[in-house]
């Protein structure tokens, strides 16, 4: 009971991207400019896909879900960071920190698996064009998206529960502009061996879609060249390549990586 009361009143201090005020002002302006562009850009992608019947196919269905996840991903951290800067406050409650961490992990994994599903869709269109509509049926697309969201949340839940069970003593300063596993583990005075093992497992889960993407493109590239020797074959339907797949995904992932600059 005492630990629960302490957790409910505990607050962490988010030091920001660099921890230096002059540089924080720069990142505030940068995020204030990029965040609405990211949200509006992804919303336009979703609206365009919904409004045009010609885009109602597997690739664009997956792309719409990827854009939706990117909006959620960006909104988990950036608004809090902007609000803290405006209010000159770096505090975040223990519950808010856990919530932020949970959705960060869940959305990163979900977007990764949706991106892998897009690579699989492209591979099927090139390697098995006659069976493409059967393989990538509406039911299959829905199952791929649901599976992506389930895996993402299933990977985030144990990490969050394990962090919630830890005790924190001494400094409450998180060396980042959002709550992440590694900075929180450094602040804990509890045994974190199980947390570390779960982190390795989480990395393995996150690596699966990356491996699938690499394998799908390695296998489909020779086939795409075989259609028209001398130039790369463009996927017949829908014409979305790796660049358009990666764009909304990397926009969201940049928030997770920028703290390492």
C-alpha atoms as a PDB file:
ATOM      1  CA  UNK A   1       0.000   0.000   0.000  1.00  0.00           C
ATOM      2  CA  UNK A   2       2.828   2.377   0.878  1.00  0.00           C
ATOM      3  CA  UNK A   3       4.540   1.681  -2.461  1.00  0.00           C
ATOM      4  CA  UNK A   4       1.287   2.384  -4.319  1.00  0.00           C
ATOM      5  CA  UNK A   5       0.864   5.710  -2.503  1.00  0.00           C
ATOM      6  CA  UNK A   6       4.440   6.687  -3.315  1.00  0.00           C
ATOM      7  CA  UNK A   7       3.943   5.747  -6.979  1.00  0.00           C
ATOM      8  CA  UNK A   8       0.767   7.818  -7.251  1.00  0.00           C
ATOM      9  CA  UNK A   9       2.568  10.951  -6.028  1.00  0.00           C
ATOM     10  CA  UNK A  10       5.933  10.321  -7.700  1.00  0.00           C
ATOM     11  CA  UNK A  11       7.060  12.613 -10.500  1.00  0.00           C
ATOM     12  CA  UNK A  12       9.921  12.387 -12.943  1.00  0.00           C
ATOM     13  CA  UNK A  13      11.788  15.297 -14.466  1.00  0.00           C
ATOM     14  CA  UNK A  14      12.229  15.151 -18.237  1.00  0.00           C
ATOM     15  CA  UNK A  15      15.537  16.865 -18.970  1.00  0.00           C
ATOM     16  CA  UNK A  16      14.781  17.262 -22.664  1.00  0.00           C
ATOM     17  CA  UNK A  17      16.690  16.402 -25.817  1.00  0.00           C
ATOM     18  CA  UNK A  18      20.013  17.864 -24.675  1.00  0.00           C
ATOM     19  CA  UNK A  19      19.357  19.284 -21.203  1.00  0.00           C
ATOM     20  CA  UNK A  20      20.755  22.687 -22.235  1.00  0.00           C
ATOM     21  CA  UNK A  21      18.255  25.544 -22.333  1.00  0.00           C
ATOM     22  CA  UNK A  22      19.521  27.305 -25.452  1.00  0.00           C
ATOM     23  CA  UNK A  23      19.431  24.065 -27.436  1.00  0.00           C
ATOM     24  CA  UNK A  24      16.037  23.165 -25.978  1.00  0.00           C
ATOM     25  CA  UNK A  25      14.655  26.402 -27.442  1.00  0.00           C
ATOM     26  CA  UNK A  26      15.880  25.288 -30.862  1.00  0.00           C
ATOM     27  CA  UNK A  27      14.263  21.858 -30.554  1.00  0.00           C
ATOM     28  CA  UNK A  28      11.046  23.449 -29.312  1.00  0.00           C
ATOM     29  CA  UNK A  29      10.815  25.525 -32.487  1.00  0.00           C
ATOM     30  CA  UNK A  30      11.804  22.506 -34.600  1.00  0.00           C
ATOM     31  CA  UNK A  31       9.145  20.238 -33.071  1.00  0.00           C
ATOM     32  CA  UNK A  32       6.556  23.008 -33.138  1.00  0.00           C
ATOM     33  CA  UNK A  33       7.115  23.239 -36.885  1.00  0.00           C
ATOM     34  CA  UNK A  34       7.437  19.528 -37.710  1.00  0.00           C
ATOM     35  CA  UNK A  35       4.674  18.091 -35.490  1.00  0.00           C
ATOM     36  CA  UNK A  36       1.680  19.735 -37.237  1.00  0.00           C
ATOM     37  CA  UNK A  37       3.210  18.909 -40.624  1.00  0.00           C
ATOM     38  CA  UNK A  38       3.494  15.260 -39.585  1.00  0.00           C
ATOM     39  CA  UNK A  39      -0.092  15.122 -38.300  1.00  0.00           C
ATOM     40  CA  UNK A  40      -1.632  17.003 -41.223  1.00  0.00           C
ATOM     41  CA  UNK A  41       0.431  15.093 -43.776  1.00  0.00           C
ATOM     42  CA  UNK A  42      -0.652  11.724 -42.428  1.00  0.00           C
ATOM     43  CA  UNK A  43      -4.269  12.862 -42.151  1.00  0.00           C
ATOM     44  CA  UNK A  44      -4.202  13.908 -45.800  1.00  0.00           C
ATOM     45  CA  UNK A  45      -2.869  10.475 -46.744  1.00  0.00           C
ATOM     46  CA  UNK A  46      -5.710   8.795 -44.843  1.00  0.00           C
ATOM     47  CA  UNK A  47      -8.369  11.110 -46.291  1.00  0.00           C
ATOM     48  CA  UNK A  48      -7.047  10.656 -49.832  1.00  0.00           C
ATOM     49  CA  UNK A  49      -7.193   6.884 -49.490  1.00  0.00           C
ATOM     50  CA  UNK A  50     -10.703   6.961 -48.009  1.00  0.00           C
ATOM     51  CA  UNK A  51     -12.080   9.345 -50.632  1.00  0.00           C
ATOM     52  CA  UNK A  52     -10.666   7.688 -53.757  1.00  0.00           C
ATOM     53  CA  UNK A  53     -12.152   4.292 -54.597  1.00  0.00           C
ATOM     54  CA  UNK A  54      -9.164   3.533 -56.840  1.00  0.00           C
ATOM     55  CA  UNK A  55      -7.008   3.459 -53.704  1.00  0.00           C
ATOM     56  CA  UNK A  56      -9.161   0.882 -51.926  1.00  0.00           C
ATOM     57  CA  UNK A  57      -6.650  -1.936 -52.242  1.00  0.00           C
ATOM     58  CA  UNK A  58      -4.306  -3.777 -49.835  1.00  0.00           C
ATOM     59  CA  UNK A  59      -1.248  -1.540 -50.141  1.00  0.00           C
ATOM     60  CA  UNK A  60      -3.115   1.696 -49.503  1.00  0.00           C
ATOM     61  CA  UNK A  61      -5.174   0.095 -46.739  1.00  0.00           C
ATOM     62  CA  UNK A  62      -1.928  -0.793 -44.975  1.00  0.00           C
ATOM     63  CA  UNK A  63      -0.500   2.638 -45.731  1.00  0.00           C
ATOM     64  CA  UNK A  64      -3.542   4.300 -44.127  1.00  0.00           C
ATOM     65  CA  UNK A  65      -3.050   2.242 -40.978  1.00  0.00           C
ATOM     66  CA  UNK A  66       0.645   3.099 -40.959  1.00  0.00           C
ATOM     67  CA  UNK A  67      -0.207   6.808 -41.193  1.00  0.00           C
ATOM     68  CA  UNK A  68      -2.738   6.459 -38.374  1.00  0.00           C
ATOM     69  CA  UNK A  69      -0.136   4.797 -36.172  1.00  0.00           C
ATOM     70  CA  UNK A  70       2.338   7.548 -37.021  1.00  0.00           C
ATOM     71  CA  UNK A  71      -0.130  10.214 -35.862  1.00  0.00           C
ATOM     72  CA  UNK A  72      -0.598   8.411 -32.557  1.00  0.00           C
ATOM     73  CA  UNK A  73       3.143   7.855 -32.199  1.00  0.00           C
ATOM     74  CA  UNK A  74       4.013  11.512 -32.707  1.00  0.00           C
ATOM     75  CA  UNK A  75       1.216  12.614 -30.367  1.00  0.00           C
ATOM     76  CA  UNK A  76       2.451  10.473 -27.483  1.00  0.00           C
ATOM     77  CA  UNK A  77       5.558  12.569 -26.823  1.00  0.00           C
ATOM     78  CA  UNK A  78       5.656  15.822 -28.751  1.00  0.00           C
ATOM     79  CA  UNK A  79       2.616  17.646 -27.238  1.00  0.00           C
ATOM     80  CA  UNK A  80       3.898  16.919 -23.715  1.00  0.00           C
ATOM     81  CA  UNK A  81       7.340  18.183 -24.641  1.00  0.00           C
ATOM     82  CA  UNK A  82       5.905  21.387 -26.147  1.00  0.00           C
ATOM     83  CA  UNK A  83       3.597  21.954 -23.181  1.00  0.00           C
ATOM     84  CA  UNK A  84       6.427  21.496 -20.677  1.00  0.00           C
ATOM     85  CA  UNK A  85       8.550  24.018 -22.535  1.00  0.00           C
ATOM     86  CA  UNK A  86       5.746  26.598 -22.668  1.00  0.00           C
ATOM     87  CA  UNK A  87       4.852  26.134 -18.997  1.00  0.00           C
ATOM     88  CA  UNK A  88       8.509  26.028 -17.978  1.00  0.00           C
ATOM     89  CA  UNK A  89       7.885  22.697 -16.284  1.00  0.00           C
ATOM     90  CA  UNK A  90       9.654  19.408 -16.924  1.00  0.00           C
ATOM     91  CA  UNK A  91       7.613  17.234 -14.579  1.00  0.00           C
ATOM     92  CA  UNK A  92       5.619  14.161 -15.563  1.00  0.00           C
ATOM     93  CA  UNK A  93       3.696  11.937 -13.172  1.00  0.00           C
ATOM     94  CA  UNK A  94       4.619   8.301 -12.642  1.00  0.00           C
ATOM     95  CA  UNK A  95       1.367   7.201 -14.262  1.00  0.00           C
ATOM     96  CA  UNK A  96       1.866   9.587 -17.168  1.00  0.00           C
ATOM     97  CA  UNK A  97       5.400   8.290 -17.624  1.00  0.00           C
ATOM     98  CA  UNK A  98       4.224   4.666 -17.751  1.00  0.00           C
ATOM     99  CA  UNK A  99       1.427   5.556 -20.159  1.00  0.00           C
ATOM    100  CA  UNK A 100       3.832   7.365 -22.452  1.00  0.00           C
ATOM    101  CA  UNK A 101       6.297   4.482 -22.391  1.00  0.00           C
ATOM    102  CA  UNK A 102       3.582   1.902 -23.064  1.00  0.00           C
ATOM    103  CA  UNK A 103       2.234   3.647 -26.155  1.00  0.00           C
ATOM    104  CA  UNK A 104       5.733   4.406 -27.439  1.00  0.00           C
ATOM    105  CA  UNK A 105       6.692   0.729 -27.370  1.00  0.00           C
ATOM    106  CA  UNK A 106       3.314  -0.451 -28.677  1.00  0.00           C
ATOM    107  CA  UNK A 107       3.216   1.976 -31.598  1.00  0.00           C
ATOM    108  CA  UNK A 108       6.843   1.445 -32.641  1.00  0.00           C
ATOM    109  CA  UNK A 109       6.273  -2.310 -32.818  1.00  0.00           C
ATOM    110  CA  UNK A 110       2.889  -1.935 -34.515  1.00  0.00           C
ATOM    111  CA  UNK A 111       4.269   0.315 -37.233  1.00  0.00           C
ATOM    112  CA  UNK A 112       7.170  -2.071 -37.772  1.00  0.00           C
ATOM    113  CA  UNK A 113       4.853  -5.018 -38.368  1.00  0.00           C
ATOM    114  CA  UNK A 114       2.545  -2.999 -40.626  1.00  0.00           C
ATOM    115  CA  UNK A 115       5.577  -1.998 -42.664  1.00  0.00           C
ATOM    116  CA  UNK A 116       6.526  -5.671 -42.903  1.00  0.00           C
ATOM    117  CA  UNK A 117       2.991  -6.430 -44.095  1.00  0.00           C
ATOM    118  CA  UNK A 118       3.429  -3.804 -46.829  1.00  0.00           C
ATOM    119  CA  UNK A 119       6.666  -5.460 -47.928  1.00  0.00           C
ATOM    120  CA  UNK A 120       4.881  -8.823 -47.976  1.00  0.00           C
ATOM    121  CA  UNK A 121       2.104  -7.325 -50.092  1.00  0.00           C
ATOM    122  CA  UNK A 122       4.610  -6.024 -52.609  1.00  0.00           C
ATOM    123  CA  UNK A 123       6.434  -9.379 -52.710  1.00  0.00           C
ATOM    124  CA  UNK A 124       3.187 -11.249 -53.399  1.00  0.00           C
ATOM    125  CA  UNK A 125       2.240  -8.813 -56.187  1.00  0.00           C
ATOM    126  CA  UNK A 126       5.560  -9.468 -57.915  1.00  0.00           C
ATOM    127  CA  UNK A 127       6.170 -13.152 -57.227  1.00  0.00           C
ATOM    128  CA  UNK A 128       2.565 -14.422 -57.415  1.00  0.00           C
ATOM    129  CA  UNK A 129       0.581 -11.912 -59.492  1.00  0.00           C
ATOM    130  CA  UNK A 130      -2.075 -14.420 -60.580  1.00  0.00           C
ATOM    131  CA  UNK A 131      -2.887 -15.329 -56.982  1.00  0.00           C
ATOM    132  CA  UNK A 132      -2.392 -11.850 -55.564  1.00  0.00           C
ATOM    133  CA  UNK A 133      -6.068 -10.980 -55.100  1.00  0.00           C
ATOM    134  CA  UNK A 134      -6.676 -14.284 -53.330  1.00  0.00           C
ATOM    135  CA  UNK A 135      -3.651 -14.029 -51.038  1.00  0.00           C
ATOM    136  CA  UNK A 136      -4.184 -10.357 -50.182  1.00  0.00           C
ATOM    137  CA  UNK A 137      -7.948 -10.543 -49.733  1.00  0.00           C
ATOM    138  CA  UNK A 138      -9.741  -7.969 -47.554  1.00  0.00           C
ATOM    139  CA  UNK A 139      -9.903 -10.563 -44.772  1.00  0.00           C
ATOM    140  CA  UNK A 140      -6.138 -11.154 -44.999  1.00  0.00           C
ATOM    141  CA  UNK A 141      -5.436  -7.417 -44.835  1.00  0.00           C
ATOM    142  CA  UNK A 142      -7.613  -6.966 -41.763  1.00  0.00           C
ATOM    143  CA  UNK A 143      -5.910  -9.920 -40.072  1.00  0.00           C
ATOM    144  CA  UNK A 144      -2.456  -8.494 -40.865  1.00  0.00           C
ATOM    145  CA  UNK A 145      -3.381  -5.131 -39.329  1.00  0.00           C
ATOM    146  CA  UNK A 146      -5.028  -6.671 -36.259  1.00  0.00           C
ATOM    147  CA  UNK A 147      -2.020  -8.944 -35.741  1.00  0.00           C
ATOM    148  CA  UNK A 148       0.305  -5.943 -35.946  1.00  0.00           C
ATOM    149  CA  UNK A 149      -1.640  -4.047 -33.282  1.00  0.00           C
ATOM    150  CA  UNK A 150      -1.899  -7.121 -31.044  1.00  0.00           C
ATOM    151  CA  UNK A 151       1.847  -7.856 -31.225  1.00  0.00           C
ATOM    152  CA  UNK A 152       2.682  -4.211 -30.563  1.00  0.00           C
ATOM    153  CA  UNK A 153       0.523  -4.030 -27.446  1.00  0.00           C
ATOM    154  CA  UNK A 154       1.560  -7.493 -26.271  1.00  0.00           C
ATOM    155  CA  UNK A 155       5.204  -6.443 -26.444  1.00  0.00           C
ATOM    156  CA  UNK A 156       4.569  -3.180 -24.578  1.00  0.00           C
ATOM    157  CA  UNK A 157       2.506  -4.584 -21.705  1.00  0.00           C
ATOM    158  CA  UNK A 158       5.151  -6.697 -19.893  1.00  0.00           C
ATOM    159  CA  UNK A 159       7.724  -3.898 -20.093  1.00  0.00           C
ATOM    160  CA  UNK A 160       5.256  -1.455 -18.565  1.00  0.00           C
ATOM    161  CA  UNK A 161       4.192  -3.819 -15.781  1.00  0.00           C
ATOM    162  CA  UNK A 162       7.806  -4.601 -14.885  1.00  0.00           C
ATOM    163  CA  UNK A 163       8.721  -0.905 -14.733  1.00  0.00           C
ATOM    164  CA  UNK A 164       5.640  -0.240 -12.594  1.00  0.00           C
ATOM    165  CA  UNK A 165       6.840  -2.822 -10.059  1.00  0.00           C
ATOM    166  CA  UNK A 166      10.238  -1.174  -9.560  1.00  0.00           C
ATOM    167  CA  UNK A 167      11.227   1.150  -6.749  1.00  0.00           C
ATOM    168  CA  UNK A 168      12.852   4.484  -7.567  1.00  0.00           C
ATOM    169  CA  UNK A 169      15.127   6.294  -5.167  1.00  0.00           C
ATOM    170  CA  UNK A 170      17.489   9.200  -5.444  1.00  0.00           C
ATOM    171  CA  UNK A 171      17.387  11.250  -8.635  1.00  0.00           C
ATOM    172  CA  UNK A 172      14.158  11.354 -10.640  1.00  0.00           C
ATOM    173  CA  UNK A 173      15.716  13.079 -13.649  1.00  0.00           C
ATOM    174  CA  UNK A 174      15.098  11.265 -16.950  1.00  0.00           C
ATOM    175  CA  UNK A 175      17.809  12.026 -19.501  1.00  0.00           C
ATOM    176  CA  UNK A 176      15.371  12.381 -22.376  1.00  0.00           C
ATOM    177  CA  UNK A 177      12.310  14.350 -23.482  1.00  0.00           C
ATOM    178  CA  UNK A 178      10.056  11.309 -23.061  1.00  0.00           C
ATOM    179  CA  UNK A 179       9.888   8.269 -20.781  1.00  0.00           C
ATOM    180  CA  UNK A 180      11.797   5.291 -22.120  1.00  0.00           C
ATOM    181  CA  UNK A 181      12.857   1.995 -20.589  1.00  0.00           C
ATOM    182  CA  UNK A 182      16.619   2.514 -20.408  1.00  0.00           C
ATOM    183  CA  UNK A 183      16.601   5.907 -18.602  1.00  0.00           C
ATOM    184  CA  UNK A 184      14.029   4.631 -16.103  1.00  0.00           C
ATOM    185  CA  UNK A 185      16.041   1.496 -15.344  1.00  0.00           C
ATOM    186  CA  UNK A 186      19.058   3.677 -14.551  1.00  0.00           C
ATOM    187  CA  UNK A 187      16.997   5.481 -11.895  1.00  0.00           C
ATOM    188  CA  UNK A 188      15.712   2.319 -10.233  1.00  0.00           C
ATOM    189  CA  UNK A 189      17.154   0.952  -7.003  1.00  0.00           C
ATOM    190  CA  UNK A 190      15.485  -2.446  -7.515  1.00  0.00           C
ATOM    191  CA  UNK A 191      16.782  -5.601  -9.182  1.00  0.00           C
ATOM    192  CA  UNK A 192      16.423  -4.999 -12.932  1.00  0.00           C
ATOM    193  CA  UNK A 193      17.759  -8.305 -14.295  1.00  0.00           C
ATOM    194  CA  UNK A 194      14.303  -9.423 -15.432  1.00  0.00           C
ATOM    195  CA  UNK A 195      13.725  -6.040 -17.076  1.00  0.00           C
ATOM    196  CA  UNK A 196      16.987  -6.359 -19.002  1.00  0.00           C
ATOM    197  CA  UNK A 197      16.042  -9.852 -20.202  1.00  0.00           C
ATOM    198  CA  UNK A 198      12.672  -8.524 -21.351  1.00  0.00           C
ATOM    199  CA  UNK A 199      14.451  -5.756 -23.240  1.00  0.00           C
ATOM    200  CA  UNK A 200      16.448  -8.357 -25.185  1.00  0.00           C
ATOM    201  CA  UNK A 201      13.216 -10.198 -25.944  1.00  0.00           C
ATOM    202  CA  UNK A 202      11.609  -6.927 -27.031  1.00  0.00           C
ATOM    203  CA  UNK A 203      14.499  -6.240 -29.405  1.00  0.00           C
ATOM    204  CA  UNK A 204      14.048  -9.726 -30.884  1.00  0.00           C
ATOM    205  CA  UNK A 205      10.322  -9.092 -31.412  1.00  0.00           C
ATOM    206  CA  UNK A 206      11.108  -5.743 -33.035  1.00  0.00           C
ATOM    207  CA  UNK A 207      13.747  -7.338 -35.297  1.00  0.00           C
ATOM    208  CA  UNK A 208      11.349  -9.876 -36.833  1.00  0.00           C
ATOM    209  CA  UNK A 209       9.584  -7.393 -39.183  1.00  0.00           C
ATOM    210  CA  UNK A 210      12.926  -5.876 -40.192  1.00  0.00           C
ATOM    211  CA  UNK A 211      14.157  -9.317 -41.196  1.00  0.00           C
ATOM    212  CA  UNK A 212      10.923  -9.980 -43.098  1.00  0.00           C
ATOM    213  CA  UNK A 213      11.286  -6.703 -45.010  1.00  0.00           C
ATOM    214  CA  UNK A 214      14.876  -7.465 -46.017  1.00  0.00           C
ATOM    215  CA  UNK A 215      14.031 -11.030 -47.098  1.00  0.00           C
ATOM    216  CA  UNK A 216      10.969  -9.943 -49.105  1.00  0.00           C
ATOM    217  CA  UNK A 217      12.896  -7.324 -51.057  1.00  0.00           C
ATOM    218  CA  UNK A 218      15.893  -9.574 -51.625  1.00  0.00           C
ATOM    219  CA  UNK A 219      13.625 -12.287 -53.036  1.00  0.00           C
ATOM    220  CA  UNK A 220      11.378 -10.011 -55.098  1.00  0.00           C
ATOM    221  CA  UNK A 221      14.077  -7.800 -56.649  1.00  0.00           C
ATOM    222  CA  UNK A 222      15.395 -10.408 -59.135  1.00  0.00           C
ATOM    223  CA  UNK A 223      11.816 -11.217 -60.146  1.00  0.00           C
ATOM    224  CA  UNK A 224      10.992  -7.559 -60.707  1.00  0.00           C
ATOM    225  CA  UNK A 225      14.015  -7.154 -62.967  1.00  0.00           C
ATOM    226  CA  UNK A 226      13.075 -10.286 -64.914  1.00  0.00           C
ATOM    227  CA  UNK A 227       9.849  -8.695 -66.200  1.00  0.00           C
ATOM    228  CA  UNK A 228      11.735  -5.968 -68.059  1.00  0.00           C
ATOM    229  CA  UNK A 229      15.478  -6.638 -68.413  1.00  0.00           C
ATOM    230  CA  UNK A 230      17.528  -3.508 -67.976  1.00  0.00           C
ATOM    231  CA  UNK A 231      15.129  -1.711 -65.659  1.00  0.00           C
ATOM    232  CA  UNK A 232      13.345  -2.401 -62.403  1.00  0.00           C
ATOM    233  CA  UNK A 233       9.802  -3.642 -62.705  1.00  0.00           C
ATOM    234  CA  UNK A 234       7.220  -1.393 -61.191  1.00  0.00           C
ATOM    235  CA  UNK A 235       4.635  -3.184 -59.120  1.00  0.00           C
ATOM    236  CA  UNK A 236       1.451  -3.339 -61.229  1.00  0.00           C
ATOM    237  CA  UNK A 237      -1.106  -2.618 -58.560  1.00  0.00           C
ATOM    238  CA  UNK A 238      -0.858  -0.571 -56.468  1.00  0.00           C
ATOM    239  CA  UNK A 239       2.236   1.426 -57.513  1.00  0.00           C
ATOM    240  CA  UNK A 240       3.718   2.070 -54.095  1.00  0.00           C
ATOM    241  CA  UNK A 241       7.402   1.345 -53.611  1.00  0.00           C
ATOM    242  CA  UNK A 242       9.727   1.209 -50.667  1.00  0.00           C
ATOM    243  CA  UNK A 243      10.173   4.976 -50.467  1.00  0.00           C
ATOM    244  CA  UNK A 244       6.474   5.705 -49.992  1.00  0.00           C
ATOM    245  CA  UNK A 245       6.280   2.875 -47.469  1.00  0.00           C
ATOM    246  CA  UNK A 246       9.157   4.255 -45.425  1.00  0.00           C
ATOM    247  CA  UNK A 247       8.140   7.932 -45.477  1.00  0.00           C
ATOM    248  CA  UNK A 248       5.398   7.977 -42.828  1.00  0.00           C
ATOM    249  CA  UNK A 249       7.188   5.303 -40.840  1.00  0.00           C
ATOM    250  CA  UNK A 250      10.497   7.146 -40.626  1.00  0.00           C
ATOM    251  CA  UNK A 251       8.718  10.394 -39.755  1.00  0.00           C
ATOM    252  CA  UNK A 252       7.491   8.747 -36.581  1.00  0.00           C
ATOM    253  CA  UNK A 253      10.700   6.878 -35.824  1.00  0.00           C
ATOM    254  CA  UNK A 254      12.709  10.131 -35.938  1.00  0.00           C
ATOM    255  CA  UNK A 255      11.180  11.151 -32.604  1.00  0.00           C
ATOM    256  CA  UNK A 256      12.625   8.059 -30.969  1.00  0.00           C
ATOM    257  CA  UNK A 257      16.091   8.579 -32.437  1.00  0.00           C
ATOM    258  CA  UNK A 258      16.569  12.336 -32.127  1.00  0.00           C
ATOM    259  CA  UNK A 259      17.563  12.134 -28.481  1.00  0.00           C
ATOM    260  CA  UNK A 260      20.743  10.360 -29.564  1.00  0.00           C
ATOM    261  CA  UNK A 261      21.925  13.353 -31.608  1.00  0.00           C
END
